[in-house]
Amino acid sequence: MAPDNLEILARLLIATVLGLILGIERTMAHKTAGMRTYSLVSMAAASFVIISEIVARQYSGFSSFDPLRMASQVIVGVGFLGAGLIIFKESKVRGLTTAAGLWIAAGIGIASGYGIYSVAVFITILALVVFTILWLVEKKIKEVAKGPASEDI
């Protein structure tokens, strides 16, 4: 039995929130990969699992047909592309959230390609929340974690 839309949305939301929780700790520890990166990676992983589950059920009657083979290669290929975006320069890492964003975009594309539109739309909404609202929250947490500037007397 395929999961219904409400269960799928719950799975994606839970994955996003749990990734967010890890990201908050990383942000407070002044690590480069923070709330948005962890949220996107967790959400992307959940989306790939959900998509795989749904597609496997849709094509269960075909003995020699494996529609997930192509999807798995997309995931690997986009991961490789994302790795190329990550830059280490002057003790700073750049591009992690962009790489995670590309990975989630691949999940959206795979869901759309298989016709799982409600999943694709919800993944997109969650990703936009992560990119926009969590960017503001993450910025504030970094300011709080820094603490007040010490004044020289």
Protein backbone atom coordinates (compact mmCIF):
# COMPACT_ATOMS: atom_id res chain seq x y z
CA MET A 1 0.00 0.00 0.00
CA ALA A 2 1.45 3.35 -1.08
CA PRO A 3 1.73 6.08 1.52
CA ASP A 4 -0.93 8.77 1.16
CA ASN A 5 -0.07 12.41 0.54
CA LEU A 6 -0.48 13.39 4.20
CA GLU A 7 1.98 10.70 5.30
CA ILE A 8 4.44 11.74 2.58
CA LEU A 9 4.21 15.38 3.62
CA ALA A 10 4.71 14.37 7.26
CA ARG A 11 7.81 12.32 6.36
CA LEU A 12 9.32 15.24 4.47
CA LEU A 13 8.48 17.73 7.20
CA ILE A 14 9.93 15.48 9.92
CA ALA A 15 13.12 14.96 7.90
CA THR A 16 13.44 18.70 7.38
CA VAL A 17 12.87 19.54 11.05
CA LEU A 18 15.26 16.86 12.29
CA GLY A 19 17.94 18.07 9.88
CA LEU A 20 17.25 21.59 11.12
CA ILE A 21 17.83 20.52 14.73
CA LEU A 22 21.25 19.14 13.84
CA GLY A 23 21.98 22.28 11.85
CA ILE A 24 21.15 24.52 14.82
CA GLU A 25 23.81 22.76 16.88
CA ARG A 26 26.31 23.09 14.02
CA THR A 27 25.49 26.79 13.65
CA MET A 28 26.01 27.38 17.37
CA ALA A 29 29.35 25.58 17.08
CA HIS A 30 30.30 28.05 14.30
CA LYS A 31 30.54 25.32 11.67
CA THR A 32 30.15 26.15 7.98
CA ALA A 33 27.40 23.64 7.29
CA GLY A 34 24.50 24.89 9.36
CA MET A 35 20.72 24.86 9.58
CA ARG A 36 19.91 25.23 5.90
CA THR A 37 22.49 22.72 4.71
CA TYR A 38 21.46 20.05 7.19
CA SER A 39 17.76 20.66 6.51
CA LEU A 40 18.21 20.36 2.76
CA VAL A 41 20.35 17.23 2.94
CA SER A 42 17.91 15.51 5.29
CA MET A 43 14.93 16.54 3.17
CA ALA A 44 16.66 15.41 -0.03
CA ALA A 45 17.45 12.00 1.41
CA ALA A 46 13.85 11.57 2.54
CA SER A 47 12.55 12.66 -0.84
CA PHE A 48 14.69 10.08 -2.65
CA VAL A 49 13.49 7.30 -0.36
CA ILE A 50 9.83 8.33 -0.74
CA ILE A 51 10.14 8.61 -4.50
CA SER A 52 11.83 5.20 -4.65
CA GLU A 53 9.05 3.64 -2.59
CA ILE A 54 6.30 5.05 -4.78
CA VAL A 55 7.98 4.20 -8.07
CA ALA A 56 8.87 0.67 -6.97
CA ARG A 57 5.17 0.06 -6.28
CA GLN A 58 4.10 1.57 -9.61
CA TYR A 59 6.38 -0.75 -11.58
CA SER A 60 6.21 -3.87 -9.39
CA GLY A 61 4.69 -6.02 -12.18
CA PHE A 62 7.63 -5.57 -14.55
CA SER A 63 10.29 -8.20 -13.87
CA SER A 64 13.13 -6.78 -15.98
CA PHE A 65 12.32 -3.10 -15.65
CA ASP A 66 14.02 -1.06 -12.95
CA PRO A 67 12.96 2.60 -13.16
CA LEU A 68 15.03 3.49 -10.12
CA ARG A 69 18.34 2.78 -11.84
CA MET A 70 18.18 6.07 -13.69
CA ALA A 71 17.11 7.97 -10.57
CA SER A 72 20.01 6.55 -8.60
CA GLN A 73 22.44 7.74 -11.25
CA VAL A 74 20.89 11.21 -11.20
CA ILE A 75 21.45 11.34 -7.44
CA VAL A 76 25.11 10.33 -7.82
CA GLY A 77 25.66 12.71 -10.72
CA VAL A 78 24.17 15.70 -8.95
CA GLY A 79 26.20 14.84 -5.85
CA PHE A 80 29.32 14.97 -7.98
CA LEU A 81 28.23 18.29 -9.48
CA GLY A 82 27.54 19.66 -5.99
CA ALA A 83 30.97 18.57 -4.79
CA GLY A 84 32.46 20.68 -7.56
CA LEU A 85 30.66 23.74 -6.20
CA ILE A 86 32.19 23.45 -2.75
CA ILE A 87 35.21 25.71 -2.46
CA PHE A 88 37.77 25.78 0.34
CA LYS A 89 39.65 29.07 0.44
CA GLU A 90 41.43 30.87 3.26
CA SER A 91 40.08 28.52 5.95
CA LYS A 92 36.51 29.11 4.74
CA VAL A 93 34.22 26.65 3.00
CA ARG A 94 31.79 28.06 0.45
CA GLY A 95 29.06 26.45 -1.59
CA LEU A 96 27.73 23.81 0.81
CA THR A 97 24.17 25.11 0.84
CA THR A 98 24.24 25.56 -2.92
CA ALA A 99 25.39 21.96 -3.30
CA ALA A 100 22.63 20.77 -0.95
CA GLY A 101 20.16 22.91 -2.89
CA LEU A 102 21.17 21.23 -6.14
CA TRP A 103 20.69 17.87 -4.50
CA ILE A 104 17.17 18.74 -3.38
CA ALA A 105 16.46 20.14 -6.84
CA ALA A 106 17.38 16.72 -8.20
CA GLY A 107 14.85 15.17 -5.82
CA ILE A 108 12.22 17.60 -7.08
CA GLY A 109 13.11 16.73 -10.66
CA ILE A 110 12.95 13.00 -10.03
CA ALA A 111 9.57 13.30 -8.30
CA SER A 112 8.25 15.40 -11.17
CA GLY A 113 9.68 13.02 -13.72
CA TYR A 114 7.85 10.11 -12.16
CA GLY A 115 4.64 12.14 -11.96
CA ILE A 116 4.64 12.46 -8.17
CA TYR A 117 3.64 16.10 -8.35
CA SER A 118 2.32 16.64 -4.83
CA VAL A 119 5.64 15.42 -3.41
CA ALA A 120 7.60 17.65 -5.78
CA VAL A 121 5.53 20.70 -4.82
CA PHE A 122 5.87 20.07 -1.09
CA ILE A 123 9.63 19.49 -1.38
CA THR A 124 9.89 22.79 -3.26
CA ILE A 125 7.93 24.66 -0.60
CA LEU A 126 10.06 23.20 2.20
CA ALA A 127 13.27 24.00 0.31
CA LEU A 128 12.14 27.61 -0.18
CA VAL A 129 11.41 27.86 3.55
CA VAL A 130 14.88 26.51 4.29
CA PHE A 131 16.55 28.91 1.84
CA THR A 132 14.68 32.02 2.97
CA ILE A 133 13.25 31.87 6.47
CA LEU A 134 15.96 29.66 7.93
CA TRP A 135 18.60 31.93 6.41
CA LEU A 136 17.25 34.76 8.58
CA VAL A 137 16.99 32.52 11.66
CA GLU A 138 20.50 31.13 11.11
CA LYS A 139 21.89 34.65 10.78
CA LYS A 140 20.29 35.63 14.12
CA ILE A 141 21.60 32.50 15.89
CA LYS A 142 25.13 33.24 14.64
CA GLU A 143 24.85 36.76 16.05
CA VAL A 144 23.65 35.43 19.43
CA ALA A 145 26.33 32.72 19.52
CA LYS A 146 29.01 35.35 18.88
CA GLY A 147 27.99 37.18 22.01
CA PRO A 148 28.37 40.87 22.75
CA ALA A 149 31.52 42.50 21.47
CA SER A 150 34.02 43.12 24.21
CA GLU A 151 34.96 46.75 24.63
CA ASP A 152 38.54 47.79 25.29
CA ILE A 153 38.91 50.14 28.25
